[in-house]
Amino acid sequence: MSKNNLKKYRLKSNLTQKQVAKILNITETGYQNYELGYRNIPYDKLKLVCSLFNCTSTDILGF
Protein backbone atom coordinates (compact mmCIF):
# COMPACT_ATOMS: atom_id res chain seq x y z
CA MET A 1 0.00 0.00 0.00
CA SER A 2 1.23 3.48 -0.73
CA LYS A 3 1.39 6.29 1.79
CA ASN A 4 -2.01 7.47 2.97
CA ASN A 5 -3.42 10.40 4.91
CA LEU A 6 -4.27 8.59 8.15
CA LYS A 7 -1.67 10.47 10.17
CA LYS A 8 -2.81 13.86 8.86
CA TYR A 9 -6.43 13.22 9.82
CA ARG A 10 -5.50 11.62 13.15
CA LEU A 11 -3.45 14.66 14.12
CA LYS A 12 -6.27 17.01 13.03
CA SER A 13 -8.53 15.04 15.37
CA ASN A 14 -6.04 15.37 18.25
CA LEU A 15 -5.90 11.62 18.78
CA THR A 16 -2.94 9.37 19.49
CA GLN A 17 -2.19 6.18 17.60
CA LYS A 18 -3.04 4.28 20.78
CA GLN A 19 -6.47 5.94 21.02
CA VAL A 20 -7.33 5.19 17.39
CA ALA A 21 -6.10 1.61 17.73
CA LYS A 22 -8.35 1.12 20.75
CA ILE A 23 -11.37 2.49 18.86
CA LEU A 24 -10.59 0.17 15.93
CA ASN A 25 -10.09 -2.75 18.34
CA ILE A 26 -6.59 -3.47 17.04
CA THR A 27 -3.09 -3.20 18.46
CA GLU A 28 -1.19 0.06 18.34
CA THR A 29 1.39 -1.64 16.11
CA GLY A 30 -1.38 -2.76 13.78
CA TYR A 31 -2.59 0.82 13.45
CA GLN A 32 0.96 2.06 12.92
CA ASN A 33 1.29 -0.39 10.03
CA TYR A 34 -1.80 1.13 8.39
CA GLU A 35 -0.57 4.67 8.97
CA LEU A 36 2.89 3.93 7.56
CA GLY A 37 1.44 2.14 4.56
CA TYR A 38 2.98 -1.23 5.48
CA ARG A 39 -0.44 -2.91 5.45
CA ASN A 40 -3.71 -2.16 3.69
CA ILE A 41 -6.46 -0.99 5.97
CA PRO A 42 -9.47 -3.33 5.73
CA TYR A 43 -12.71 -1.82 4.48
CA ASP A 44 -14.51 -2.21 7.82
CA LYS A 45 -11.70 -0.35 9.62
CA LEU A 46 -11.59 2.29 6.89
CA LYS A 47 -15.30 2.97 7.39
CA LEU A 48 -14.74 3.43 11.13
CA VAL A 49 -11.77 5.73 10.55
CA CYS A 50 -13.77 7.86 8.12
CA SER A 51 -16.58 8.17 10.63
CA LEU A 52 -14.13 9.01 13.42
CA PHE A 53 -12.24 11.61 11.38
CA ASN A 54 -15.35 12.94 9.60
CA CYS A 55 -13.89 12.40 6.14
CA THR A 56 -14.26 10.13 3.11
CA SER A 57 -12.25 7.10 2.07
CA THR A 58 -10.95 9.19 -0.84
CA ASP A 59 -9.61 11.72 1.67
CA ILE A 60 -7.77 8.97 3.54
CA LEU A 61 -6.50 6.99 0.58
CA GLY A 62 -5.64 10.03 -1.51
CA PHE A 63 -7.35 8.93 -4.73
PDB file of N, CA and C in Angstrom:
ATOM      1  N   MET A   1       0.849  -1.185   0.000  1.00  0.00           N
ATOM      2  CA  MET A   1       0.000   0.000   0.000  1.00  0.00           C
ATOM      3  C   MET A   1       0.890   1.242   0.000  1.00  0.00           C
ATOM      4  N   SER A   2       0.475   2.229  -0.718  1.00  0.00           N
ATOM      5  CA  SER A   2       1.229   3.477  -0.732  1.00  0.00           C
ATOM      6  C   SER A   2       0.882   4.316   0.496  1.00  0.00           C
ATOM      7  N   LYS A   3       1.623   5.372   0.678  1.00  0.00           N
ATOM      8  CA  LYS A   3       1.394   6.288   1.793  1.00  0.00           C
ATOM      9  C   LYS A   3      -0.035   6.813   1.742  1.00  0.00           C
ATOM     10  N   ASN A   4      -0.639   6.979   2.896  1.00  0.00           N
ATOM     11  CA  ASN A   4      -2.009   7.471   2.970  1.00  0.00           C
ATOM     12  C   ASN A   4      -2.057   8.698   3.877  1.00  0.00           C
ATOM     13  N   ASN A   5      -3.247   9.187   4.119  1.00  0.00           N
ATOM     14  CA  ASN A   5      -3.419  10.400   4.909  1.00  0.00           C
ATOM     15  C   ASN A   5      -3.922  10.132   6.323  1.00  0.00           C
ATOM     16  N   LEU A   6      -3.778   8.909   6.810  1.00  0.00           N
ATOM     17  CA  LEU A   6      -4.265   8.586   8.150  1.00  0.00           C
ATOM     18  C   LEU A   6      -3.643   9.486   9.214  1.00  0.00           C
ATOM     19  N   LYS A   7      -2.346   9.666   9.148  1.00  0.00           N
ATOM     20  CA  LYS A   7      -1.669  10.473  10.169  1.00  0.00           C
ATOM     21  C   LYS A   7      -2.184  11.905  10.162  1.00  0.00           C
ATOM     22  N   LYS A   8      -2.328  12.475   8.984  1.00  0.00           N
ATOM     23  CA  LYS A   8      -2.807  13.856   8.859  1.00  0.00           C
ATOM     24  C   LYS A   8      -4.168  14.027   9.536  1.00  0.00           C
ATOM     25  N   TYR A   9      -5.090  13.117   9.245  1.00  0.00           N
ATOM     26  CA  TYR A   9      -6.432  13.221   9.818  1.00  0.00           C
ATOM     27  C   TYR A   9      -6.446  12.877  11.302  1.00  0.00           C
ATOM     28  N   ARG A  10      -5.592  11.950  11.718  1.00  0.00           N
ATOM     29  CA  ARG A  10      -5.504  11.618  13.148  1.00  0.00           C
ATOM     30  C   ARG A  10      -5.017  12.826  13.936  1.00  0.00           C
ATOM     31  N   LEU A  11      -3.985  13.487  13.433  1.00  0.00           N
ATOM     32  CA  LEU A  11      -3.452  14.661  14.124  1.00  0.00           C
ATOM     33  C   LEU A  11      -4.468  15.799  14.156  1.00  0.00           C
ATOM     34  N   LYS A  12      -5.213  15.987  13.065  1.00  0.00           N
ATOM     35  CA  LYS A  12      -6.272  17.006  13.034  1.00  0.00           C
ATOM     36  C   LYS A  12      -7.328  16.726  14.094  1.00  0.00           C
ATOM     37  N   SER A  13      -7.524  15.447  14.388  1.00  0.00           N
ATOM     38  CA  SER A  13      -8.529  15.036  15.370  1.00  0.00           C
ATOM     39  C   SER A  13      -7.973  14.998  16.789  1.00  0.00           C
ATOM     40  N   ASN A  14      -6.700  15.362  16.936  1.00  0.00           N
ATOM     41  CA  ASN A  14      -6.044  15.368  18.250  1.00  0.00           C
ATOM     42  C   ASN A  14      -6.129  14.027  18.960  1.00  0.00           C
ATOM     43  N   LEU A  15      -5.887  12.959  18.214  1.00  0.00           N
ATOM     44  CA  LEU A  15      -5.899  11.617  18.780  1.00  0.00           C
ATOM     45  C   LEU A  15      -4.514  10.994  18.646  1.00  0.00           C
ATOM     46  N   THR A  16      -4.198  10.108  19.571  1.00  0.00           N
ATOM     47  CA  THR A  16      -2.944   9.365  19.487  1.00  0.00           C
ATOM     48  C   THR A  16      -3.177   8.081  18.700  1.00  0.00           C
ATOM     49  N   GLN A  17      -2.083   7.468  18.281  1.00  0.00           N
ATOM     50  CA  GLN A  17      -2.191   6.175  17.602  1.00  0.00           C
ATOM     51  C   GLN A  17      -2.834   5.150  18.532  1.00  0.00           C
ATOM     52  N   LYS A  18      -2.482   5.216  19.795  1.00  0.00           N
ATOM     53  CA  LYS A  18      -3.036   4.282  20.782  1.00  0.00           C
ATOM     54  C   LYS A  18      -4.549   4.444  20.899  1.00  0.00           C
ATOM     55  N   GLN A  19      -5.032   5.683  20.917  1.00  0.00           N
ATOM     56  CA  GLN A  19      -6.469   5.936  21.018  1.00  0.00           C
ATOM     57  C   GLN A  19      -7.212   5.403  19.796  1.00  0.00           C
ATOM     58  N   VAL A  20      -6.683   5.661  18.615  1.00  0.00           N
ATOM     59  CA  VAL A  20      -7.333   5.193  17.391  1.00  0.00           C
ATOM     60  C   VAL A  20      -7.319   3.668  17.342  1.00  0.00           C
ATOM     61  N   ALA A  21      -6.198   3.076  17.714  1.00  0.00           N
ATOM     62  CA  ALA A  21      -6.100   1.613  17.728  1.00  0.00           C
ATOM     63  C   ALA A  21      -7.156   1.012  18.650  1.00  0.00           C
ATOM     64  N   LYS A  22      -7.351   1.621  19.801  1.00  0.00           N
ATOM     65  CA  LYS A  22      -8.355   1.120  20.754  1.00  0.00           C
ATOM     66  C   LYS A  22      -9.754   1.212  20.155  1.00  0.00           C
ATOM     67  N   ILE A  23     -10.061   2.314  19.498  1.00  0.00           N
ATOM     68  CA  ILE A  23     -11.369   2.495  18.858  1.00  0.00           C
ATOM     69  C   ILE A  23     -11.577   1.450  17.768  1.00  0.00           C
ATOM     70  N   LEU A  24     -10.511   1.147  17.020  1.00  0.00           N
ATOM     71  CA  LEU A  24     -10.594   0.169  15.933  1.00  0.00           C
ATOM     72  C   LEU A  24     -10.494  -1.274  16.432  1.00  0.00           C
ATOM     73  N   ASN A  25     -10.229  -1.428  17.728  1.00  0.00           N
ATOM     74  CA  ASN A  25     -10.093  -2.750  18.341  1.00  0.00           C
ATOM     75  C   ASN A  25      -8.932  -3.545  17.718  1.00  0.00           C
ATOM     76  N   ILE A  26      -7.805  -2.845  17.549  1.00  0.00           N
ATOM     77  CA  ILE A  26      -6.586  -3.474  17.038  1.00  0.00           C
ATOM     78  C   ILE A  26      -5.418  -3.025  17.913  1.00  0.00           C
ATOM     79  N   THR A  27      -4.262  -3.615  17.699  1.00  0.00           N
ATOM     80  CA  THR A  27      -3.086  -3.197  18.458  1.00  0.00           C
ATOM     81  C   THR A  27      -2.563  -1.863  17.927  1.00  0.00           C
ATOM     82  N   GLU A  28      -1.803  -1.194  18.763  1.00  0.00           N
ATOM     83  CA  GLU A  28      -1.185   0.064  18.335  1.00  0.00           C
ATOM     84  C   GLU A  28      -0.239  -0.185  17.160  1.00  0.00           C
ATOM     85  N   THR A  29       0.495  -1.284  17.213  1.00  0.00           N
ATOM     86  CA  THR A  29       1.394  -1.642  16.111  1.00  0.00           C
ATOM     87  C   THR A  29       0.611  -1.889  14.827  1.00  0.00           C
ATOM     88  N   GLY A  30      -0.535  -2.531  14.953  1.00  0.00           N
ATOM     89  CA  GLY A  30      -1.383  -2.758  13.783  1.00  0.00           C
ATOM     90  C   GLY A  30      -1.807  -1.445  13.147  1.00  0.00           C
ATOM     91  N   TYR A  31      -2.207  -0.492  13.981  1.00  0.00           N
ATOM     92  CA  TYR A  31      -2.594   0.816  13.447  1.00  0.00           C
ATOM     93  C   TYR A  31      -1.394   1.522  12.820  1.00  0.00           C
ATOM     94  N   GLN A  32      -0.245   1.439  13.470  1.00  0.00           N
ATOM     95  CA  GLN A  32       0.961   2.063  12.918  1.00  0.00           C
ATOM     96  C   GLN A  32       1.265   1.510  11.529  1.00  0.00           C
ATOM     97  N   ASN A  33       1.056   0.216  11.344  1.00  0.00           N
ATOM     98  CA  ASN A  33       1.289  -0.393  10.032  1.00  0.00           C
ATOM     99  C   ASN A  33       0.360   0.184   8.971  1.00  0.00           C
ATOM    100  N   TYR A  34      -0.873   0.480   9.333  1.00  0.00           N
ATOM    101  CA  TYR A  34      -1.799   1.128   8.391  1.00  0.00           C
ATOM    102  C   TYR A  34      -1.315   2.538   8.076  1.00  0.00           C
ATOM    103  N   GLU A  35      -0.959   3.269   9.131  1.00  0.00           N
ATOM    104  CA  GLU A  35      -0.569   4.669   8.965  1.00  0.00           C
ATOM    105  C   GLU A  35       0.708   4.805   8.133  1.00  0.00           C
ATOM    106  N   LEU A  36       1.628   3.890   8.304  1.00  0.00           N
ATOM    107  CA  LEU A  36       2.891   3.930   7.563  1.00  0.00           C
ATOM    108  C   LEU A  36       2.783   3.329   6.170  1.00  0.00           C
ATOM    109  N   GLY A  37       1.640   2.725   5.879  1.00  0.00           N
ATOM    110  CA  GLY A  37       1.443   2.137   4.563  1.00  0.00           C
ATOM    111  C   GLY A  37       2.041   0.754   4.415  1.00  0.00           C
ATOM    112  N   TYR A  38       2.417   0.121   5.535  1.00  0.00           N
ATOM    113  CA  TYR A  38       2.977  -1.232   5.478  1.00  0.00           C
ATOM    114  C   TYR A  38       1.903  -2.283   5.230  1.00  0.00           C
ATOM    115  N   ARG A  39       0.680  -1.981   5.642  1.00  0.00           N
ATOM    116  CA  ARG A  39      -0.444  -2.905   5.448  1.00  0.00           C
ATOM    117  C   ARG A  39      -1.639  -2.120   4.946  1.00  0.00           C
ATOM    118  N   ASN A  40      -2.468  -2.776   4.160  1.00  0.00           N
ATOM    119  CA  ASN A  40      -3.710  -2.163   3.694  1.00  0.00           C
ATOM    120  C   ASN A  40      -4.723  -2.159   4.824  1.00  0.00           C
ATOM    121  N   ILE A  41      -5.433  -1.067   4.952  1.00  0.00           N
ATOM    122  CA  ILE A  41      -6.465  -0.988   5.972  1.00  0.00           C
ATOM    123  C   ILE A  41      -7.722  -1.686   5.442  1.00  0.00           C
ATOM    124  N   PRO A  42      -8.261  -2.638   6.190  1.00  0.00           N
ATOM    125  CA  PRO A  42      -9.467  -3.333   5.734  1.00  0.00           C
ATOM    126  C   PRO A  42     -10.648  -2.366   5.622  1.00  0.00           C
ATOM    127  N   TYR A  43     -11.577  -2.703   4.747  1.00  0.00           N
ATOM    128  CA  TYR A  43     -12.712  -1.821   4.476  1.00  0.00           C
ATOM    129  C   TYR A  43     -13.495  -1.490   5.741  1.00  0.00           C
ATOM    130  N   ASP A  44     -13.735  -2.475   6.607  1.00  0.00           N
ATOM    131  CA  ASP A  44     -14.515  -2.208   7.821  1.00  0.00           C
ATOM    132  C   ASP A  44     -13.798  -1.213   8.732  1.00  0.00           C
ATOM    133  N   LYS A  45     -12.480  -1.303   8.811  1.00  0.00           N
ATOM    134  CA  LYS A  45     -11.704  -0.354   9.623  1.00  0.00           C
ATOM    135  C   LYS A  45     -11.664   1.018   8.946  1.00  0.00           C
ATOM    136  N   LEU A  46     -11.582   1.031   7.628  1.00  0.00           N
ATOM    137  CA  LEU A  46     -11.586   2.288   6.887  1.00  0.00           C
ATOM    138  C   LEU A  46     -12.887   3.046   7.119  1.00  0.00           C
ATOM    139  N   LYS A  47     -14.004   2.334   7.122  1.00  0.00           N
ATOM    140  CA  LYS A  47     -15.299   2.975   7.385  1.00  0.00           C
ATOM    141  C   LYS A  47     -15.322   3.597   8.777  1.00  0.00           C
ATOM    142  N   LEU A  48     -14.787   2.889   9.768  1.00  0.00           N
ATOM    143  CA  LEU A  48     -14.739   3.427  11.133  1.00  0.00           C
ATOM    144  C   LEU A  48     -13.853   4.666  11.213  1.00  0.00           C
ATOM    145  N   VAL A  49     -12.705   4.600  10.560  1.00  0.00           N
ATOM    146  CA  VAL A  49     -11.774   5.730  10.552  1.00  0.00           C
ATOM    147  C   VAL A  49     -12.429   6.951   9.909  1.00  0.00           C
ATOM    148  N   CYS A  50     -13.106   6.746   8.806  1.00  0.00           N
ATOM    149  CA  CYS A  50     -13.771   7.858   8.117  1.00  0.00           C
ATOM    150  C   CYS A  50     -14.838   8.487   9.004  1.00  0.00           C
ATOM    151  N   SER A  51     -15.565   7.669   9.708  1.00  0.00           N
ATOM    152  CA  SER A  51     -16.576   8.175  10.633  1.00  0.00           C
ATOM    153  C   SER A  51     -15.910   8.941  11.779  1.00  0.00           C
ATOM    154  N   LEU A  52     -14.854   8.389  12.310  1.00  0.00           N
ATOM    155  CA  LEU A  52     -14.131   9.005  13.418  1.00  0.00           C
ATOM    156  C   LEU A  52     -13.525  10.347  13.025  1.00  0.00           C
ATOM    157  N   PHE A  53     -12.922  10.403  11.837  1.00  0.00           N
ATOM    158  CA  PHE A  53     -12.238  11.609  11.381  1.00  0.00           C
ATOM    159  C   PHE A  53     -13.139  12.539  10.568  1.00  0.00           C
ATOM    160  N   ASN A  54     -14.392  12.141  10.362  1.00  0.00           N
ATOM    161  CA  ASN A  54     -15.352  12.935   9.602  1.00  0.00           C
ATOM    162  C   ASN A  54     -14.801  13.277   8.207  1.00  0.00           C
ATOM    163  N   CYS A  55     -14.437  12.224   7.482  1.00  0.00           N
ATOM    164  CA  CYS A  55     -13.891  12.397   6.139  1.00  0.00           C
ATOM    165  C   CYS A  55     -14.335  11.224   5.272  1.00  0.00           C
ATOM    166  N   THR A  56     -13.900  11.219   4.026  1.00  0.00           N
ATOM    167  CA  THR A  56     -14.257  10.135   3.111  1.00  0.00           C
ATOM    168  C   THR A  56     -13.063   9.197   2.921  1.00  0.00           C
ATOM    169  N   SER A  57     -13.342   8.040   2.362  1.00  0.00           N
ATOM    170  CA  SER A  57     -12.251   7.105   2.072  1.00  0.00           C
ATOM    171  C   SER A  57     -11.290   7.706   1.046  1.00  0.00           C
ATOM    172  N   THR A  58     -11.806   8.505   0.139  1.00  0.00           N
ATOM    173  CA  THR A  58     -10.954   9.189  -0.837  1.00  0.00           C
ATOM    174  C   THR A  58      -9.993  10.144  -0.133  1.00  0.00           C
ATOM    175  N   ASP A  59     -10.482  10.832   0.896  1.00  0.00           N
ATOM    176  CA  ASP A  59      -9.614  11.722   1.672  1.00  0.00           C
ATOM    177  C   ASP A  59      -8.461  10.941   2.304  1.00  0.00           C
ATOM    178  N   ILE A  60      -8.778   9.786   2.861  1.00  0.00           N
ATOM    179  CA  ILE A  60      -7.771   8.972   3.544  1.00  0.00           C
ATOM    180  C   ILE A  60      -6.800   8.346   2.553  1.00  0.00           C
ATOM    181  N   LEU A  61      -7.338   7.739   1.516  1.00  0.00           N
ATOM    182  CA  LEU A  61      -6.504   6.986   0.581  1.00  0.00           C
ATOM    183  C   LEU A  61      -5.819   7.861  -0.457  1.00  0.00           C
ATOM    184  N   GLY A  62      -6.296   9.091  -0.612  1.00  0.00           N
ATOM    185  CA  GLY A  62      -5.645  10.029  -1.512  1.00  0.00           C
ATOM    186  C   GLY A  62      -5.897   9.792  -2.986  1.00  0.00           C
ATOM    187  N   PHE A  63      -7.018   9.168  -3.313  1.00  0.00           N
ATOM    188  CA  PHE A  63      -7.348   8.926  -4.731  1.00  0.00           C
ATOM    189  C   PHE A  63      -8.036  10.124  -5.319  1.00  0.00           C
TER     190      PHE A  63
END
